[in-house]
Amino acid sequence: MLTWGDLARERPELADAGAQLFYQFGVGLGFLATVRPNGGPRLHPVCPVLAEDSLSALLIRSPKRDDLLRDGRYAMHSFPCENNEDAFYITGVASVVEQPEARRHIVEQFVSERGTMFTVHDVADHQAFEFRLDMAMLTQTIGHGDANPRHTIWRP
C-alpha cells in the first residue's frame, strides 16, 4: 500500500486530478465505503483531508469508524460533478494515525479548510485515519451522457 504522496510522486497528473475532484467544492468531500461486520458494504459521506503527503479523515464515533477499526479495507469515490461525469475512485486499507504530530497536521488542515466552522477542540474526540492506496482510477468525460469516458487506472 502506498501513500497519497507516493501517488503524487509516481503519477502527479493523476494525484492532481484526484485532489481537484475531492476538493471541487472547496473542502474535501467523498463517499467512503467500508465493510460491515457481516461482510456487506456500508457507504457514507466523508471529508477527506490532504495534508503532509497523506490522504486522511477525521471520523466521529460511528459505524463507519467501527468498520475501519475492525477491517481497514475501504473504497472512496469523489462527489458527482455538476457539469460532467468526471470521477476519482481509490481503494486500499485505512489505519489509525498514531503519531501525535501527524494527527496535529490533519486536524490543523481540516480546521483551516473550514474557516470558523470548527476549532481544534471541536474535533478533539475524532479519530484520524490515513487511507493508503492499492488502486486509483480517474474517469474523464466531455459532459453528462458521454458514451466514451476515458479511464486511467493506477496500481503500485
Protein backbone atom coordinates (compact mmCIF):
# COMPACT_ATOMS: atom_id res chain seq x y z
CA MET A 1 0.00 0.00 0.00
CA LEU A 2 1.26 3.44 -0.89
CA THR A 3 0.51 6.90 0.46
CA TRP A 4 -1.08 9.79 -1.39
CA GLY A 5 2.40 11.31 -1.55
CA ASP A 6 3.66 8.18 -3.33
CA LEU A 7 0.88 8.54 -5.89
CA ALA A 8 1.74 12.22 -6.34
CA ARG A 9 5.40 11.37 -6.99
CA GLU A 10 4.66 8.45 -9.35
CA ARG A 11 1.68 9.97 -11.19
CA PRO A 12 1.42 13.70 -10.38
CA GLU A 13 -1.22 14.35 -13.02
CA LEU A 14 -3.44 11.63 -11.53
CA ALA A 15 -2.98 12.89 -7.96
CA ASP A 16 -3.70 16.48 -9.07
CA ALA A 17 -6.89 15.42 -10.85
CA GLY A 18 -7.96 13.38 -7.82
CA ALA A 19 -7.31 16.26 -5.45
CA GLN A 20 -9.30 18.62 -7.68
CA LEU A 21 -12.25 16.21 -7.71
CA PHE A 22 -12.18 15.56 -3.96
CA TYR A 23 -11.88 19.34 -3.35
CA GLN A 24 -14.18 20.60 -6.12
CA PHE A 25 -16.47 22.27 -3.54
CA GLY A 26 -13.65 23.95 -1.58
CA VAL A 27 -13.31 21.27 1.11
CA GLY A 28 -12.64 17.57 0.78
CA LEU A 29 -15.81 15.59 0.05
CA GLY A 30 -16.21 11.97 -0.93
CA PHE A 31 -18.14 8.78 -0.35
CA LEU A 32 -16.45 6.18 1.84
CA ALA A 33 -17.34 2.51 1.50
CA THR A 34 -16.40 0.21 4.39
CA VAL A 35 -17.03 -3.44 5.23
CA ARG A 36 -19.79 -4.18 7.77
CA PRO A 37 -19.30 -7.00 10.30
CA ASN A 38 -21.45 -9.32 8.16
CA GLY A 39 -19.23 -8.64 5.12
CA GLY A 40 -21.69 -6.35 3.37
CA PRO A 41 -20.81 -2.87 2.15
CA ARG A 42 -21.54 0.35 4.04
CA LEU A 43 -21.46 3.75 2.28
CA HIS A 44 -21.24 7.17 3.95
CA PRO A 45 -20.15 10.67 3.00
CA VAL A 46 -16.78 11.67 4.39
CA CYS A 47 -14.49 14.73 4.39
CA PRO A 48 -11.06 13.57 3.19
CA VAL A 49 -8.09 15.78 4.08
CA LEU A 50 -4.93 16.08 2.00
CA ALA A 51 -2.13 17.02 4.39
CA GLU A 52 1.55 16.14 4.72
CA ASP A 53 1.61 13.72 1.75
CA SER A 54 -1.30 11.71 3.11
CA LEU A 55 -4.99 11.31 2.45
CA SER A 56 -6.73 11.20 5.80
CA ALA A 57 -10.06 11.79 7.50
CA LEU A 58 -11.27 12.60 10.99
CA LEU A 59 -14.14 10.30 11.95
CA ILE A 60 -16.63 10.66 14.77
CA ARG A 61 -17.78 7.62 16.71
CA SER A 62 -19.89 5.89 14.07
CA PRO A 63 -20.48 2.59 12.27
CA LYS A 64 -18.01 3.57 9.52
CA ARG A 65 -15.33 4.28 12.13
CA ASP A 66 -16.04 0.93 13.81
CA ASP A 67 -15.81 -0.78 10.41
CA LEU A 68 -12.36 0.70 9.76
CA LEU A 69 -11.12 -0.21 13.23
CA ARG A 70 -12.21 -3.82 12.66
CA ASP A 71 -11.37 -4.15 8.96
CA GLY A 72 -9.43 -1.33 7.33
CA ARG A 73 -10.42 -2.11 3.75
CA TYR A 74 -12.14 0.80 2.05
CA ALA A 75 -13.15 2.37 -1.24
CA MET A 76 -13.54 6.14 -1.67
CA HIS A 77 -15.24 7.99 -4.51
CA SER A 78 -15.44 11.70 -5.28
CA PHE A 79 -18.77 13.56 -5.20
CA PRO A 80 -20.57 13.91 -8.55
CA CYS A 81 -19.62 16.92 -10.68
CA GLU A 82 -22.16 19.48 -11.82
CA ASN A 83 -21.12 19.72 -15.49
CA ASN A 84 -19.77 16.27 -16.35
CA GLU A 85 -19.32 12.74 -15.09
CA ASP A 86 -15.65 13.04 -14.12
CA ALA A 87 -14.83 10.95 -11.07
CA PHE A 88 -11.96 9.76 -8.91
CA TYR A 89 -12.03 6.40 -7.13
CA ILE A 90 -9.48 4.79 -4.82
CA THR A 91 -9.22 1.57 -2.84
CA GLY A 92 -6.86 0.36 -0.16
CA VAL A 93 -6.51 -0.02 3.58
CA ALA A 94 -7.06 2.66 6.22
CA SER A 95 -5.30 2.74 9.55
CA VAL A 96 -5.45 4.87 12.68
CA VAL A 97 -2.94 7.72 12.74
CA GLU A 98 -0.99 7.05 15.93
CA GLN A 99 1.69 9.74 15.71
CA PRO A 100 0.59 12.92 17.55
CA GLU A 101 2.44 15.22 15.11
CA ALA A 102 0.81 13.63 12.07
CA ARG A 103 -2.62 13.84 13.73
CA ARG A 104 -1.99 17.50 14.57
CA HIS A 105 -1.28 18.27 10.88
CA ILE A 106 -4.51 16.55 9.81
CA VAL A 107 -6.56 18.42 12.43
CA GLU A 108 -4.99 21.77 11.52
CA GLN A 109 -5.67 21.20 7.81
CA PHE A 110 -9.27 20.16 8.48
CA VAL A 111 -9.93 23.20 10.67
CA SER A 112 -8.18 25.66 8.33
CA GLU A 113 -10.21 24.42 5.33
CA ARG A 114 -13.44 25.20 7.16
CA GLY A 115 -12.71 28.75 8.33
CA THR A 116 -14.59 29.49 11.52
CA MET A 117 -16.93 26.47 11.38
CA PHE A 118 -14.71 24.26 13.57
CA THR A 119 -11.96 24.63 16.12
CA VAL A 120 -9.32 22.13 17.16
CA HIS A 121 -11.39 21.47 20.29
CA ASP A 122 -14.45 20.57 18.20
CA VAL A 123 -12.63 17.61 16.66
CA ALA A 124 -10.64 16.52 19.71
CA ASP A 125 -12.59 13.25 20.02
CA HIS A 126 -12.49 12.45 16.28
CA GLN A 127 -10.21 9.59 15.31
CA ALA A 128 -7.75 10.24 12.49
CA PHE A 129 -7.32 7.62 9.78
CA GLU A 130 -4.85 7.55 6.91
CA PHE A 131 -6.02 5.97 3.66
CA ARG A 132 -3.27 4.05 1.88
CA LEU A 133 -3.85 3.18 -1.75
CA ASP A 134 -3.65 -0.03 -3.73
CA MET A 135 -5.54 1.39 -6.74
CA ALA A 136 -6.71 4.69 -8.17
CA MET A 137 -8.98 5.34 -11.13
CA LEU A 138 -9.67 8.66 -12.82
CA THR A 139 -12.66 8.91 -15.14
CA GLN A 140 -12.76 11.88 -17.52
CA THR A 141 -15.75 12.79 -19.68
CA ILE A 142 -16.82 15.54 -22.05
CA GLY A 143 -20.12 16.01 -20.19
CA HIS A 144 -23.13 14.14 -18.92
CA GLY A 145 -24.01 11.13 -21.04
CA ASP A 146 -20.53 10.82 -22.56
CA ALA A 147 -20.59 7.46 -24.35
CA ASN A 148 -16.78 7.19 -24.32
CA PRO A 149 -15.45 8.06 -20.88
CA ARG A 150 -11.67 7.83 -20.51
CA HIS A 151 -10.43 5.76 -17.56
CA THR A 152 -6.91 6.00 -16.22
CA ILE A 153 -6.07 3.23 -13.73
CA TRP A 154 -3.02 3.21 -11.47
CA ARG A 155 -1.74 0.37 -9.32
CA PRO A 156 1.54 0.48 -7.44
